[in-house]
Protein backbone atom coordinates (compact mmCIF):
# COMPACT_ATOMS: atom_id res chain seq x y z
CA MET A 1 164.35 142.17 205.61
CA LYS A 2 162.03 139.28 206.38
CA ASP A 3 163.34 135.75 206.78
CA VAL A 4 163.32 133.86 203.51
CA GLN A 5 163.91 130.24 202.65
CA VAL A 6 165.38 128.93 199.42
CA LYS A 7 163.13 126.36 197.74
CA ASN A 8 163.82 124.16 194.73
CA ASN A 9 162.31 121.85 192.13
CA VAL A 10 165.45 119.77 191.59
CA LYS A 11 163.82 116.42 192.40
CA VAL A 12 160.75 117.19 190.29
CA ARG A 13 162.87 118.15 187.27
CA ARG A 14 165.20 115.16 187.71
CA ILE A 15 162.20 112.81 187.75
CA GLU A 16 160.66 114.58 184.72
CA ILE A 17 163.80 113.82 182.76
CA GLY A 18 163.51 110.21 183.92
CA SER A 19 167.04 109.08 183.19
CA LEU A 20 168.99 110.58 186.10
CA THR A 21 169.31 109.14 189.58
CA GLN A 22 170.42 111.28 192.51
CA GLY A 23 173.83 109.66 192.17
CA ASP A 24 174.04 110.42 188.45
CA LEU A 25 173.15 114.06 189.00
CA ALA A 26 175.56 114.32 191.90
CA LYS A 27 178.43 113.03 189.72
CA LEU A 28 177.59 115.50 186.95
CA VAL A 29 177.58 118.37 189.44
CA GLY A 30 180.60 117.25 191.49
CA VAL A 31 178.91 116.63 194.84
CA THR A 32 178.06 113.47 196.78
CA ARG A 33 174.75 111.68 196.45
CA GLN A 34 174.13 112.55 200.11
CA THR A 35 174.54 116.25 199.34
CA MET A 36 172.15 115.95 196.40
CA ASN A 37 169.67 114.23 198.70
CA LEU A 38 169.90 117.13 201.17
CA ILE A 39 169.43 119.67 198.37
CA GLU A 40 166.34 117.86 197.07
CA ALA A 41 164.95 117.59 200.62
CA GLN A 42 165.31 121.38 201.09
CA LYS A 43 167.75 120.80 203.96
CA TYR A 44 170.85 122.28 202.31
CA ASN A 45 171.23 125.44 200.24
CA PRO A 46 173.88 124.88 197.57
CA THR A 47 176.29 127.54 196.38
CA ILE A 48 175.39 129.52 193.28
CA LYS A 49 178.00 127.52 191.36
CA VAL A 50 176.32 124.24 192.30
CA CYS A 51 172.90 125.71 191.45
CA LEU A 52 174.16 126.67 187.99
CA LEU A 53 175.71 123.22 187.47
CA ILE A 54 172.46 121.52 188.50
CA ALA A 55 170.46 123.72 186.13
CA ALA A 56 172.83 122.91 183.26
CA ALA A 57 172.74 119.18 184.02
CA LEU A 58 168.93 119.27 184.09
CA ASP A 59 168.78 121.38 180.91
CA THR A 60 166.76 124.17 182.48
CA SER A 61 167.25 127.64 183.89
CA ILE A 62 168.27 128.35 187.45
CA GLU A 63 165.10 130.43 187.87
CA LYS A 64 162.93 127.40 187.16
CA LEU A 65 164.77 125.33 189.80
CA PHE A 66 165.37 127.73 192.68
CA TRP A 67 163.34 130.53 194.28
CA MET A 68 162.90 132.26 197.66
CA GLU A 69 159.83 132.18 199.88
CA GLU A 70 159.13 134.21 202.99
CA GLU A 71 159.01 132.11 206.14
CA VAL A 72 155.68 132.25 207.93
């Protein structure tokens, strides 16, 4: 299997909504603002549970927020 990287649109979706800060989203999900910052910066891959909680908080599907890309 080739190396893959998990990518996300969490920051884009959060900004689209317009009413949630990183801190607000972090509280809804049950993580720290620093963890949310790392997730949005593609530097931390959250657990599936956190991914599902983020999707619910952002009123979207997990498939629209997270995907895998092959590393080049």
